[in-house]
Amino acid sequence: MITEITTTHWIVLAAVLFGIGLLGVLARRNALVILLSVELMLNAANLVFVALGHHLGDVQGQVIAMVVMAIAAAEATVGLAVIVLVSRTCRTLNPDELTELKG
């Protein structure tokens, strides 16, 4: 028996993905894992935008998802550059050990 995948299924999947990302941000002590968890949360939000846009028969959800993906790409680029520079300077990726940043 095959059941149809509804908008509710997509929203539940997005909630699970968002929860995993939130758990990664709160529980992990590694800047790279935190950055990846934020990306997972943004992708969960994109999934909700696309699912609701499809449910309402409107393309605005897809347009918003594209804008969020562009912002997420810029955030990942800048965030990864900052993480690389901080890890070279401080020799750690643990945010708790970064007590001061010098210019």
PDB file of N, CA and C in Angstrom:
ATOM      1  N   MET A   1       0.838  -1.174   0.000  1.00  0.00           N
ATOM      2  CA  MET A   1       0.000   0.000   0.000  1.00  0.00           C
ATOM      3  C   MET A   1       0.889   1.245   0.000  1.00  0.00           C
ATOM      4  N   ILE A   2       0.713   2.076  -0.974  1.00  0.00           N
ATOM      5  CA  ILE A   2       1.512   3.300  -1.108  1.00  0.00           C
ATOM      6  C   ILE A   2       0.644   4.474  -0.684  1.00  0.00           C
ATOM      7  N   THR A   3       1.182   5.262   0.234  1.00  0.00           N
ATOM      8  CA  THR A   3       0.448   6.446   0.669  1.00  0.00           C
ATOM      9  C   THR A   3       1.024   7.676  -0.012  1.00  0.00           C
ATOM     10  N   GLU A   4       0.190   8.652  -0.187  1.00  0.00           N
ATOM     11  CA  GLU A   4       0.619   9.896  -0.823  1.00  0.00           C
ATOM     12  C   GLU A   4       1.382  10.752   0.179  1.00  0.00           C
ATOM     13  N   ILE A   5       2.455  11.356  -0.282  1.00  0.00           N
ATOM     14  CA  ILE A   5       3.231  12.250   0.574  1.00  0.00           C
ATOM     15  C   ILE A   5       2.565  13.616   0.543  1.00  0.00           C
ATOM     16  N   THR A   6       2.154  14.082   1.716  1.00  0.00           N
ATOM     17  CA  THR A   6       1.431  15.345   1.816  1.00  0.00           C
ATOM     18  C   THR A   6       2.357  16.448   2.325  1.00  0.00           C
ATOM     19  N   THR A   7       1.817  17.645   2.381  1.00  0.00           N
ATOM     20  CA  THR A   7       2.563  18.786   2.899  1.00  0.00           C
ATOM     21  C   THR A   7       2.946  18.571   4.359  1.00  0.00           C
ATOM     22  N   THR A   8       2.100  17.901   5.091  1.00  0.00           N
ATOM     23  CA  THR A   8       2.397  17.623   6.503  1.00  0.00           C
ATOM     24  C   THR A   8       3.659  16.781   6.641  1.00  0.00           C
ATOM     25  N   HIS A   9       3.836  15.806   5.753  1.00  0.00           N
ATOM     26  CA  HIS A   9       5.045  14.984   5.794  1.00  0.00           C
ATOM     27  C   HIS A   9       6.295  15.841   5.598  1.00  0.00           C
ATOM     28  N   TRP A  10       6.232  16.756   4.643  1.00  0.00           N
ATOM     29  CA  TRP A  10       7.383  17.613   4.370  1.00  0.00           C
ATOM     30  C   TRP A  10       7.683  18.533   5.552  1.00  0.00           C
ATOM     31  N   ILE A  11       6.632  19.048   6.184  1.00  0.00           N
ATOM     32  CA  ILE A  11       6.835  19.950   7.327  1.00  0.00           C
ATOM     33  C   ILE A  11       7.398  19.183   8.520  1.00  0.00           C
ATOM     34  N   VAL A  12       6.944  17.959   8.719  1.00  0.00           N
ATOM     35  CA  VAL A  12       7.500  17.138   9.806  1.00  0.00           C
ATOM     36  C   VAL A  12       8.969  16.833   9.531  1.00  0.00           C
ATOM     37  N   LEU A  13       9.299  16.499   8.281  1.00  0.00           N
ATOM     38  CA  LEU A  13      10.699  16.261   7.925  1.00  0.00           C
ATOM     39  C   LEU A  13      11.543  17.503   8.165  1.00  0.00           C
ATOM     40  N   ALA A  14      11.019  18.667   7.790  1.00  0.00           N
ATOM     41  CA  ALA A  14      11.748  19.918   8.015  1.00  0.00           C
ATOM     42  C   ALA A  14      11.930  20.182   9.498  1.00  0.00           C
ATOM     43  N   ALA A  15      10.923  19.875  10.306  1.00  0.00           N
ATOM     44  CA  ALA A  15      11.035  20.071  11.760  1.00  0.00           C
ATOM     45  C   ALA A  15      12.105  19.159  12.343  1.00  0.00           C
ATOM     46  N   VAL A  16      12.177  17.921  11.863  1.00  0.00           N
ATOM     47  CA  VAL A  16      13.202  16.994  12.335  1.00  0.00           C
ATOM     48  C   VAL A  16      14.590  17.495  11.941  1.00  0.00           C
ATOM     49  N   LEU A  17      14.744  17.934  10.694  1.00  0.00           N
ATOM     50  CA  LEU A  17      16.031  18.465  10.247  1.00  0.00           C
ATOM     51  C   LEU A  17      16.424  19.712  11.042  1.00  0.00           C
ATOM     52  N   PHE A  18      15.454  20.585  11.292  1.00  0.00           N
ATOM     53  CA  PHE A  18      15.735  21.787  12.075  1.00  0.00           C
ATOM     54  C   PHE A  18      16.148  21.416  13.499  1.00  0.00           C
ATOM     55  N   GLY A  19      15.473  20.420  14.078  1.00  0.00           N
ATOM     56  CA  GLY A  19      15.825  19.973  15.417  1.00  0.00           C
ATOM     57  C   GLY A  19      17.227  19.381  15.482  1.00  0.00           C
ATOM     58  N   ILE A  20      17.606  18.605  14.459  1.00  0.00           N
ATOM     59  CA  ILE A  20      18.966  18.058  14.416  1.00  0.00           C
ATOM     60  C   ILE A  20      19.980  19.187  14.307  1.00  0.00           C
ATOM     61  N   GLY A  21      19.689  20.181  13.477  1.00  0.00           N
ATOM     62  CA  GLY A  21      20.592  21.324  13.356  1.00  0.00           C
ATOM     63  C   GLY A  21      20.692  22.111  14.645  1.00  0.00           C
ATOM     64  N   LEU A  22      19.565  22.321  15.315  1.00  0.00           N
ATOM     65  CA  LEU A  22      19.576  23.042  16.584  1.00  0.00           C
ATOM     66  C   LEU A  22      20.357  22.275  17.643  1.00  0.00           C
ATOM     67  N   LEU A  23      20.188  20.972  17.671  1.00  0.00           N
ATOM     68  CA  LEU A  23      20.944  20.136  18.605  1.00  0.00           C
ATOM     69  C   LEU A  23      22.442  20.236  18.309  1.00  0.00           C
ATOM     70  N   GLY A  24      22.793  20.274  17.034  1.00  0.00           N
ATOM     71  CA  GLY A  24      24.201  20.421  16.663  1.00  0.00           C
ATOM     72  C   GLY A  24      24.781  21.752  17.100  1.00  0.00           C
ATOM     73  N   VAL A  25      23.996  22.812  16.999  1.00  0.00           N
ATOM     74  CA  VAL A  25      24.474  24.131  17.428  1.00  0.00           C
ATOM     75  C   VAL A  25      24.637  24.184  18.938  1.00  0.00           C
ATOM     76  N   LEU A  26      23.681  23.611  19.665  1.00  0.00           N
ATOM     77  CA  LEU A  26      23.706  23.711  21.121  1.00  0.00           C
ATOM     78  C   LEU A  26      24.657  22.714  21.780  1.00  0.00           C
ATOM     79  N   ALA A  27      24.834  21.545  21.193  1.00  0.00           N
ATOM     80  CA  ALA A  27      25.575  20.487  21.874  1.00  0.00           C
ATOM     81  C   ALA A  27      27.047  20.406  21.471  1.00  0.00           C
ATOM     82  N   ARG A  28      27.384  20.771  20.265  1.00  0.00           N
ATOM     83  CA  ARG A  28      28.749  20.579  19.793  1.00  0.00           C
ATOM     84  C   ARG A  28      29.626  21.778  20.144  1.00  0.00           C
ATOM     85  N   ARG A  29      30.883  21.518  20.333  1.00  0.00           N
ATOM     86  CA  ARG A  29      31.841  22.569  20.660  1.00  0.00           C
ATOM     87  C   ARG A  29      32.907  22.663  19.584  1.00  0.00           C
ATOM     88  N   ASN A  30      32.482  22.663  18.342  1.00  0.00           N
ATOM     89  CA  ASN A  30      33.395  22.780  17.226  1.00  0.00           C
ATOM     90  C   ASN A  30      32.790  23.782  16.252  1.00  0.00           C
ATOM     91  N   ALA A  31      33.551  24.796  15.883  1.00  0.00           N
ATOM     92  CA  ALA A  31      33.014  25.864  15.044  1.00  0.00           C
ATOM     93  C   ALA A  31      32.569  25.349  13.679  1.00  0.00           C
ATOM     94  N   LEU A  32      33.270  24.375  13.140  1.00  0.00           N
ATOM     95  CA  LEU A  32      32.901  23.838  11.839  1.00  0.00           C
ATOM     96  C   LEU A  32      31.577  23.075  11.908  1.00  0.00           C
ATOM     97  N   VAL A  33      31.371  22.294  12.963  1.00  0.00           N
ATOM     98  CA  VAL A  33      30.115  21.564  13.138  1.00  0.00           C
ATOM     99  C   VAL A  33      28.967  22.545  13.381  1.00  0.00           C
ATOM    100  N   ILE A  34      29.229  23.617  14.099  1.00  0.00           N
ATOM    101  CA  ILE A  34      28.202  24.633  14.320  1.00  0.00           C
ATOM    102  C   ILE A  34      27.804  25.280  12.998  1.00  0.00           C
ATOM    103  N   LEU A  35      28.774  25.577  12.145  1.00  0.00           N
ATOM    104  CA  LEU A  35      28.481  26.156  10.834  1.00  0.00           C
ATOM    105  C   LEU A  35      27.647  25.190   9.990  1.00  0.00           C
ATOM    106  N   LEU A  36      27.990  23.916  10.003  1.00  0.00           N
ATOM    107  CA  LEU A  36      27.221  22.929   9.250  1.00  0.00           C
ATOM    108  C   LEU A  36      25.809  22.766   9.817  1.00  0.00           C
ATOM    109  N   SER A  37      25.667  22.878  11.122  1.00  0.00           N
ATOM    110  CA  SER A  37      24.346  22.777  11.740  1.00  0.00           C
ATOM    111  C   SER A  37      23.463  23.960  11.362  1.00  0.00           C
ATOM    112  N   VAL A  38      24.047  25.137  11.269  1.00  0.00           N
ATOM    113  CA  VAL A  38      23.282  26.311  10.828  1.00  0.00           C
ATOM    114  C   VAL A  38      22.831  26.117   9.381  1.00  0.00           C
ATOM    115  N   GLU A  39      23.686  25.550   8.549  1.00  0.00           N
ATOM    116  CA  GLU A  39      23.304  25.265   7.164  1.00  0.00           C
ATOM    117  C   GLU A  39      22.146  24.269   7.113  1.00  0.00           C
ATOM    118  N   LEU A  40      22.172  23.270   7.984  1.00  0.00           N
ATOM    119  CA  LEU A  40      21.082  22.297   8.041  1.00  0.00           C
ATOM    120  C   LEU A  40      19.771  22.967   8.442  1.00  0.00           C
ATOM    121  N   MET A  41      19.827  23.902   9.385  1.00  0.00           N
ATOM    122  CA  MET A  41      18.623  24.621   9.794  1.00  0.00           C
ATOM    123  C   MET A  41      18.098  25.504   8.663  1.00  0.00           C
ATOM    124  N   LEU A  42      18.982  26.125   7.903  1.00  0.00           N
ATOM    125  CA  LEU A  42      18.537  26.934   6.760  1.00  0.00           C
ATOM    126  C   LEU A  42      17.895  26.059   5.683  1.00  0.00           C
ATOM    127  N   ASN A  43      18.448  24.868   5.467  1.00  0.00           N
ATOM    128  CA  ASN A  43      17.847  23.960   4.490  1.00  0.00           C
ATOM    129  C   ASN A  43      16.481  23.462   4.951  1.00  0.00           C
ATOM    130  N   ALA A  44      16.305  23.280   6.243  1.00  0.00           N
ATOM    131  CA  ALA A  44      14.989  22.902   6.763  1.00  0.00           C
ATOM    132  C   ALA A  44      13.977  24.015   6.510  1.00  0.00           C
ATOM    133  N   ALA A  45      14.388  25.252   6.704  1.00  0.00           N
ATOM    134  CA  ALA A  45      13.497  26.381   6.419  1.00  0.00           C
ATOM    135  C   ALA A  45      13.159  26.440   4.925  1.00  0.00           C
ATOM    136  N   ASN A  46      14.144  26.170   4.079  1.00  0.00           N
ATOM    137  CA  ASN A  46      13.890  26.132   2.641  1.00  0.00           C
ATOM    138  C   ASN A  46      12.869  25.061   2.282  1.00  0.00           C
ATOM    139  N   LEU A  47      12.971  23.913   2.924  1.00  0.00           N
ATOM    140  CA  LEU A  47      12.025  22.834   2.660  1.00  0.00           C
ATOM    141  C   LEU A  47      10.599  23.255   3.004  1.00  0.00           C
ATOM    142  N   VAL A  48      10.430  23.988   4.095  1.00  0.00           N
ATOM    143  CA  VAL A  48       9.101  24.479   4.470  1.00  0.00           C
ATOM    144  C   VAL A  48       8.599  25.491   3.442  1.00  0.00           C
ATOM    145  N   PHE A  49       9.465  26.404   3.017  1.00  0.00           N
ATOM    146  CA  PHE A  49       9.058  27.392   2.013  1.00  0.00           C
ATOM    147  C   PHE A  49       8.591  26.719   0.724  1.00  0.00           C
ATOM    148  N   VAL A  50       9.339  25.740   0.250  1.00  0.00           N
ATOM    149  CA  VAL A  50       8.987  25.074  -1.007  1.00  0.00           C
ATOM    150  C   VAL A  50       7.721  24.236  -0.842  1.00  0.00           C
ATOM    151  N   ALA A  51       7.610  23.522   0.288  1.00  0.00           N
ATOM    152  CA  ALA A  51       6.427  22.685   0.516  1.00  0.00           C
ATOM    153  C   ALA A  51       5.153  23.531   0.605  1.00  0.00           C
ATOM    154  N   LEU A  52       5.217  24.624   1.346  1.00  0.00           N
ATOM    155  CA  LEU A  52       4.036  25.475   1.457  1.00  0.00           C
ATOM    156  C   LEU A  52       3.735  26.198   0.148  1.00  0.00           C
ATOM    157  N   GLY A  53       4.762  26.571  -0.589  1.00  0.00           N
ATOM    158  CA  GLY A  53       4.537  27.173  -1.894  1.00  0.00           C
ATOM    159  C   GLY A  53       3.852  26.206  -2.845  1.00  0.00           C
ATOM    160  N   HIS A  54       4.275  24.946  -2.796  1.00  0.00           N
ATOM    161  CA  HIS A  54       3.635  23.933  -3.632  1.00  0.00           C
ATOM    162  C   HIS A  54       2.192  23.686  -3.184  1.00  0.00           C
ATOM    163  N   HIS A  55       1.991  23.653  -1.883  1.00  0.00           N
ATOM    164  CA  HIS A  55       0.639  23.425  -1.343  1.00  0.00           C
ATOM    165  C   HIS A  55      -0.318  24.555  -1.735  1.00  0.00           C
ATOM    166  N   LEU A  56       0.176  25.785  -1.719  1.00  0.00           N
ATOM    167  CA  LEU A  56      -0.661  26.933  -2.058  1.00  0.00           C
ATOM    168  C   LEU A  56      -0.718  27.200  -3.560  1.00  0.00           C
ATOM    169  N   GLY A  57       0.095  26.479  -4.342  1.00  0.00           N
ATOM    170  CA  GLY A  57       0.112  26.691  -5.785  1.00  0.00           C
ATOM    171  C   GLY A  57       0.758  27.993  -6.186  1.00  0.00           C
ATOM    172  N   ASP A  58       1.740  28.429  -5.424  1.00  0.00           N
ATOM    173  CA  ASP A  58       2.397  29.713  -5.661  1.00  0.00           C
ATOM    174  C   ASP A  58       3.907  29.489  -5.764  1.00  0.00           C
ATOM    175  N   VAL A  59       4.568  30.280  -6.591  1.00  0.00           N
ATOM    176  CA  VAL A  59       6.013  30.120  -6.744  1.00  0.00           C
ATOM    177  C   VAL A  59       6.805  30.983  -5.763  1.00  0.00           C
ATOM    178  N   GLN A  60       6.134  31.749  -4.932  1.00  0.00           N
ATOM    179  CA  GLN A  60       6.851  32.617  -3.994  1.00  0.00           C
ATOM    180  C   GLN A  60       7.693  31.825  -3.004  1.00  0.00           C
ATOM    181  N   GLY A  61       7.247  30.634  -2.616  1.00  0.00           N
ATOM    182  CA  GLY A  61       8.029  29.794  -1.718  1.00  0.00           C
ATOM    183  C   GLY A  61       9.346  29.389  -2.344  1.00  0.00           C
ATOM    184  N   GLN A  62       9.330  29.086  -3.633  1.00  0.00           N
ATOM    185  CA  GLN A  62      10.555  28.725  -4.327  1.00  0.00           C
ATOM    186  C   GLN A  62      11.477  29.929  -4.496  1.00  0.00           C
ATOM    187  N   VAL A  63      10.899  31.090  -4.735  1.00  0.00           N
ATOM    188  CA  VAL A  63      11.710  32.303  -4.870  1.00  0.00           C
ATOM    189  C   VAL A  63      12.396  32.628  -3.541  1.00  0.00           C
ATOM    190  N   ILE A  64      11.654  32.524  -2.448  1.00  0.00           N
ATOM    191  CA  ILE A  64      12.245  32.785  -1.132  1.00  0.00           C
ATOM    192  C   ILE A  64      13.332  31.765  -0.832  1.00  0.00           C
ATOM    193  N   ALA A  65      13.109  30.497  -1.204  1.00  0.00           N
ATOM    194  CA  ALA A  65      14.116  29.461  -0.982  1.00  0.00           C
ATOM    195  C   ALA A  65      15.388  29.756  -1.767  1.00  0.00           C
ATOM    196  N   MET A  66      15.255  30.269  -2.970  1.00  0.00           N
ATOM    197  CA  MET A  66      16.443  30.622  -3.764  1.00  0.00           C
ATOM    198  C   MET A  66      17.217  31.768  -3.112  1.00  0.00           C
ATOM    199  N   VAL A  67      16.500  32.750  -2.583  1.00  0.00           N
ATOM    200  CA  VAL A  67      17.155  33.862  -1.889  1.00  0.00           C
ATOM    201  C   VAL A  67      17.875  33.353  -0.646  1.00  0.00           C
ATOM    202  N   VAL A  68      17.217  32.468   0.102  1.00  0.00           N
ATOM    203  CA  VAL A  68      17.845  31.910   1.305  1.00  0.00           C
ATOM    204  C   VAL A  68      19.085  31.098   0.934  1.00  0.00           C
ATOM    205  N   MET A  69      19.031  30.356  -0.172  1.00  0.00           N
ATOM    206  CA  MET A  69      20.207  29.584  -0.600  1.00  0.00           C
ATOM    207  C   MET A  69      21.367  30.494  -0.976  1.00  0.00           C
ATOM    208  N   ALA A  70      21.069  31.619  -1.611  1.00  0.00           N
ATOM    209  CA  ALA A  70      22.133  32.565  -1.952  1.00  0.00           C
ATOM    210  C   ALA A  70      22.757  33.162  -0.689  1.00  0.00           C
ATOM    211  N   ILE A  71      21.923  33.507   0.268  1.00  0.00           N
ATOM    212  CA  ILE A  71      22.435  34.044   1.534  1.00  0.00           C
ATOM    213  C   ILE A  71      23.224  32.979   2.281  1.00  0.00           C
ATOM    214  N   ALA A  72      22.740  31.736   2.258  1.00  0.00           N
ATOM    215  CA  ALA A  72      23.446  30.644   2.940  1.00  0.00           C
ATOM    216  C   ALA A  72      24.797  30.378   2.299  1.00  0.00           C
ATOM    217  N   ALA A  73      24.887  30.500   0.980  1.00  0.00           N
ATOM    218  CA  ALA A  73      26.176  30.302   0.311  1.00  0.00           C
ATOM    219  C   ALA A  73      27.166  31.389   0.718  1.00  0.00           C
ATOM    220  N   ALA A  74      26.699  32.620   0.780  1.00  0.00           N
ATOM    221  CA  ALA A  74      27.580  33.708   1.215  1.00  0.00           C
ATOM    222  C   ALA A  74      27.975  33.524   2.675  1.00  0.00           C
ATOM    223  N   GLU A  75      27.029  33.109   3.511  1.00  0.00           N
ATOM    224  CA  GLU A  75      27.321  32.879   4.931  1.00  0.00           C
ATOM    225  C   GLU A  75      28.324  31.761   5.103  1.00  0.00           C
ATOM    226  N   ALA A  76      28.198  30.698   4.318  1.00  0.00           N
ATOM    227  CA  ALA A  76      29.135  29.583   4.413  1.00  0.00           C
ATOM    228  C   ALA A  76      30.528  29.997   3.967  1.00  0.00           C
ATOM    229  N   THR A  77      30.619  30.803   2.931  1.00  0.00           N
ATOM    230  CA  THR A  77      31.912  31.256   2.442  1.00  0.00           C
ATOM    231  C   THR A  77      32.619  32.128   3.469  1.00  0.00           C
ATOM    232  N   VAL A  78      31.917  33.118   3.976  1.00  0.00           N
ATOM    233  CA  VAL A  78      32.512  34.011   4.970  1.00  0.00           C
ATOM    234  C   VAL A  78      32.789  33.271   6.271  1.00  0.00           C
ATOM    235  N   GLY A  79      31.849  32.435   6.698  1.00  0.00           N
ATOM    236  CA  GLY A  79      32.035  31.685   7.937  1.00  0.00           C
ATOM    237  C   GLY A  79      33.206  30.733   7.865  1.00  0.00           C
ATOM    238  N   LEU A  80      33.359  30.038   6.743  1.00  0.00           N
ATOM    239  CA  LEU A  80      34.484  29.123   6.590  1.00  0.00           C
ATOM    240  C   LEU A  80      35.806  29.875   6.550  1.00  0.00           C
ATOM    241  N   ALA A  81      35.829  31.038   5.909  1.00  0.00           N
ATOM    242  CA  ALA A  81      37.056  31.843   5.890  1.00  0.00           C
ATOM    243  C   ALA A  81      37.430  32.298   7.295  1.00  0.00           C
ATOM    244  N   VAL A  82      36.448  32.734   8.064  1.00  0.00           N
ATOM    245  CA  VAL A  82      36.713  33.156   9.449  1.00  0.00           C
ATOM    246  C   VAL A  82      37.202  31.979  10.277  1.00  0.00           C
ATOM    247  N   ILE A  83      36.590  30.814  10.115  1.00  0.00           N
ATOM    248  CA  ILE A  83      37.006  29.635  10.873  1.00  0.00           C
ATOM    249  C   ILE A  83      38.437  29.241  10.536  1.00  0.00           C
ATOM    250  N   VAL A  84      38.798  29.284   9.259  1.00  0.00           N
ATOM    251  CA  VAL A  84      40.166  28.940   8.860  1.00  0.00           C
ATOM    252  C   VAL A  84      41.175  29.926   9.454  1.00  0.00           C
ATOM    253  N   LEU A  85      40.874  31.213   9.399  1.00  0.00           N
ATOM    254  CA  LEU A  85      41.792  32.211   9.949  1.00  0.00           C
ATOM    255  C   LEU A  85      41.915  32.096  11.468  1.00  0.00           C
ATOM    256  N   VAL A  86      40.804  31.852  12.146  1.00  0.00           N
ATOM    257  CA  VAL A  86      40.850  31.714  13.607  1.00  0.00           C
ATOM    258  C   VAL A  86      41.597  30.447  13.999  1.00  0.00           C
ATOM    259  N   SER A  87      41.383  29.364  13.261  1.00  0.00           N
ATOM    260  CA  SER A  87      42.078  28.122  13.606  1.00  0.00           C
ATOM    261  C   SER A  87      43.573  28.237  13.347  1.00  0.00           C
ATOM    262  N   ARG A  88      43.983  28.992  12.338  1.00  0.00           N
ATOM    263  CA  ARG A  88      45.417  29.210  12.110  1.00  0.00           C
ATOM    264  C   ARG A  88      46.034  30.053  13.213  1.00  0.00           C
ATOM    265  N   THR A  89      45.293  31.045  13.675  1.00  0.00           N
ATOM    266  CA  THR A  89      45.821  31.951  14.691  1.00  0.00           C
ATOM    267  C   THR A  89      45.799  31.327  16.078  1.00  0.00           C
ATOM    268  N   CYS A  90      44.678  30.745  16.457  1.00  0.00           N
ATOM    269  CA  CYS A  90      44.495  30.264  17.832  1.00  0.00           C
ATOM    270  C   CYS A  90      44.754  28.777  17.998  1.00  0.00           C
ATOM    271  N   ARG A  91      44.918  28.041  16.912  1.00  0.00           N
ATOM    272  CA  ARG A  91      45.177  26.602  16.935  1.00  0.00           C
ATOM    273  C   ARG A  91      44.049  25.795  17.582  1.00  0.00           C
ATOM    274  N   THR A  92      42.821  26.285  17.495  1.00  0.00           N
ATOM    275  CA  THR A  92      41.676  25.563  18.036  1.00  0.00           C
ATOM    276  C   THR A  92      40.418  25.928  17.259  1.00  0.00           C
ATOM    277  N   LEU A  93      39.462  24.998  17.252  1.00  0.00           N
ATOM    278  CA  LEU A  93      38.149  25.258  16.672  1.00  0.00           C
ATOM    279  C   LEU A  93      37.071  25.301  17.737  1.00  0.00           C
ATOM    280  N   ASN A  94      37.461  25.215  18.996  1.00  0.00           N
ATOM    281  CA  ASN A  94      36.522  25.250  20.105  1.00  0.00           C
ATOM    282  C   ASN A  94      36.166  26.700  20.422  1.00  0.00           C
ATOM    283  N   PRO A  95      34.898  27.103  20.262  1.00  0.00           N
ATOM    284  CA  PRO A  95      34.522  28.496  20.519  1.00  0.00           C
ATOM    285  C   PRO A  95      34.707  28.913  21.978  1.00  0.00           C
ATOM    286  N   ASP A  96      34.652  27.952  22.906  1.00  0.00           N
ATOM    287  CA  ASP A  96      34.820  28.287  24.320  1.00  0.00           C
ATOM    288  C   ASP A  96      36.256  28.694  24.645  1.00  0.00           C
ATOM    289  N   GLU A  97      37.215  28.233  23.852  1.00  0.00           N
ATOM    290  CA  GLU A  97      38.624  28.551  24.109  1.00  0.00           C
ATOM    291  C   GLU A  97      39.059  29.871  23.462  1.00  0.00           C
ATOM    292  N   LEU A  98      38.207  30.459  22.663  1.00  0.00           N
ATOM    293  CA  LEU A  98      38.541  31.726  22.010  1.00  0.00           C
ATOM    294  C   LEU A  98      38.148  32.864  22.938  1.00  0.00           C
ATOM    295  N   THR A  99      39.070  33.286  23.779  1.00  0.00           N
ATOM    296  CA  THR A  99      38.751  34.312  24.763  1.00  0.00           C
ATOM    297  C   THR A  99      38.951  35.711  24.229  1.00  0.00           C
ATOM    298  N   GLU A 100      39.905  35.874  23.327  1.00  0.00           N
ATOM    299  CA  GLU A 100      40.100  37.206  22.752  1.00  0.00           C
ATOM    300  C   GLU A 100      40.623  37.067  21.331  1.00  0.00           C
ATOM    301  N   LEU A 101      40.215  37.993  20.514  1.00  0.00           N
ATOM    302  CA  LEU A 101      40.663  38.029  19.137  1.00  0.00           C
ATOM    303  C   LEU A 101      41.480  39.293  18.937  1.00  0.00           C
ATOM    304  N   LYS A 102      42.675  39.133  18.436  1.00  0.00           N
ATOM    305  CA  LYS A 102      43.559  40.286  18.209  1.00  0.00           C
ATOM    306  C   LYS A 102      43.575  40.617  16.725  1.00  0.00           C
ATOM    307  N   GLY A 103      43.757  41.901  16.419  1.00  0.00           N
ATOM    308  CA  GLY A 103      43.772  42.339  15.039  1.00  0.00           C
ATOM    309  C   GLY A 103      45.072  42.223  14.356  1.00  0.00           C
TER     310      GLY A 103
END
